Structures are given as C-alpha cells and as structure tokens.
Amino acid sequence: MSKFEMMKPNRRDLLKTMAAAGVTYSVLPMISKPAMASGEVHYHTWAGYDEPGLLQGYIDKHGGMPEISHISSEEESLAKMMAGWSPDVMHPGNYNVQRWYDAGLLQPVDTARAKNWPDIFSSIHKEETAQVNGQQYMIPSEFGNSSVVYRTDLVDEKYQQENSWAILFDEKYKGRVAQYDSADSLVQCAALVLGMKNIYTLDDKQLAEVKKFLNMQRELLRFYWSSPTEMEQAMASGEIVAAYSWNQSLVTLKKQGIAVDMMVPKEGIFTWIAGFVIHKDCKNLDAAYDLIDAWTSPESGSWLIDNYGYGSTNSKAYDMLPKERLAELGLSDANKVLDGSLFFKALAPEFDRKYSDIVIEVQAGG
C-alpha cells in the first residue's frame, strides 16, 4: 500500500535491523507499470501511478507528462532526500508524513489551492497522520485495505452476515485459512480478535496473551503467505477458504470468476492512505498543484478504482462508475469502509521489535 512494495520472506530480519536504526518498513502492496516521459515538475511516485489516465488534467494543461522517478522503497527515498536530492512532489504513505517532516523535507500544503479538497471524504480530512501539529502536510489521494478475502460459496453464512477477523482463528476452518507472513499483521489481527484496542502499543501482558493465541492459530493455518499469487492460487482452487489479503487479490480472483468477497470486519478493517506531499524546495508550486489536482480529480479517481481496485479519496469519483462495478470491488459504500477503518500507523521501534520477536518465536514452534 511500499506502494506497492511487497514484504520479502525475510522481512522480520530486516525489521529488527531497521527498527534498531529507527526505521520502519512500508505496509503498502506493489503495482508495476512502465515509466513515462518528462515535463515541468518532478513527480516521485510508485510504478503504475504514472499512467496518463491518472494525470490527464496535467497533460492537458502542460502539454505532456511530468518528470517521473519511481519509489523503490520509502526508506531509500528518505535517505536520498536527506542527502540533498529534491523532487518537487512525492507520493508516500500517510505513516511517513511525520518522519519526512521530522527530517526537514516538507512544506505544508495549502488546501485552498487544491481544487478537489472540498470533495475529499470528511473522514480523510480528519485523518491526523496527514497532519503535523494540526497543519496539513499531505493531500490524500487514494486508499486501500487489508482484510479477509473469502470464498462466498465455501464459508458459513455466520461470517458472511457478521464479518470478523475471527474466521482466521476458527477451528472449524483448520487447514483452510492463510495468514500474511508479517509480524505487525499477525499480532494486530490477533489483538483485535482478543478485544484489544491499543493494537499499535500492546504492553507485555497483552503480548503474552497474543502470543498464546498466535500459537493456537499456527496449528490452524494452511500456510503463512508472502506471495499474493501463492495465496490467490490456493483460494481459487478451494485449498483455502479465507485469508488476510488486499484489494488487488479481490480484483484478481473476481476476474477469474471465483466467488469471493472482502470483509469489513466488525473489529475494524485496516486501511492505508497515500497522497501528495510537497518538498520544501519545490521549484514550481503552480505545476505541483496542477499535478495534485489532476490526480485527485473525479476522472482520475474513477480510473484508479476501475483499474486497480483501490479507493479514491474523491467522493465524486464513485458517481462515474456503475453501481455493479463498485459492488464487485467492495466499494459500494466507501464511507462505510472509511468509517470502519483502522488507519495504518508506523510502529514505534520498541514495539516493532517486540512484535517481530513474538512472531519469530511462534513460527519457530514456541
């Protein structure tokens, strides 16, 4: 949601090293598209987010695409910018706004200059991770979810009527569920099912309870997945009936004609937000806001929803797509999804280490 950088199988080892340095790894999944041409403003973004369908308003006004560079990881981008490199507009996850601000890289955004700001969902306006000290530093442009994707033809009505993360811990589905191989995801999901609310700051007593619960879950899982393709193939074949997953997998499986849906769990659905921040040394503010306006327009938002299955922050984008298509993507009521969201936040290094250590112990059998 890196955006979209998938976690490597050895991610926990990386986390321990990075956490010791005060660095956290990205939680956004990856999409891949070719790079584009150059123009008047330097746009640092994810591969796939440089499509003309997302930037048509900028192209119409400036006669071509902006200069593009791609994010391979937000940590690498941060290091390069701290060394003096200065793209004009960047497209990180919301959990990086504070860190990039603390590094002295950002200027506040002027919401009065962002013409689509009034149409952005009110719940996104209020999201504190896009602000620093009450001042806006990001124009959020899209969101995606991590939740349970499940086979509607193979899962009991109980879970279809009342969505819950508990399905991934239900003995009835022993050997038929899969969990994402990510320390924070494993710990936070278990904590939610156990009724814990402070999922980003669990104390030692809570973590001991979570560890016991994860040991129980280990015996129920078909596998921990690190490749979404692996998980999708198992879901398509019926080998598994439910798994921690992302919007992209829902879209992929539906395209194959598989009877699947994505839950909005009663405990909360995980949601990442990404958007636009402006470098303090931006060389062309007018062009920067033109780019932001193009990307956050209803037209670009509807293209994003239809092609990638992610949600646009622009409420008017949903009026441009058939209701059937929105239902297919689980976005019939984007407000409901956002209102029930647990917005991703970066774990403080000490919690990152503790969560990682617990999952290493659980997966080693203890």
Foldseek 3Di string as FASTA:
>chain_A
DCQAPFADLCNLVVLLVQLVVFDDFDDHHYDAADDFDAFDFEEEEAHVCQDCLQFVLLCVVGVGGHHYDYDPTVVVVLVVVLVPDFGFKYKHWLQCQVVSVVSVWFDFDDLVLQVLSVQFDPLVVPDPSQDDPPTGFWDWWWKKWWFKKFFPVPDDVVCVVAPALCVLQDLVQAQAEEEASDLLRLQLNLCLVVPHDPSLDDDPVSLVVSLVSLLSSVRRYNYHDRDLVVVLVCCLVRSHGMYTDILQSLVVNVVVVGRMDGDQHPSFIAMIIIGMGGTPPGPDVNSVSSRRNSNLDLSNQLVCCQPRLIHTSRNNVVVVDDCVSCVSSVNNPVVVNSVRHDYDHGRNSVSSSVSSVSSVVSVVND
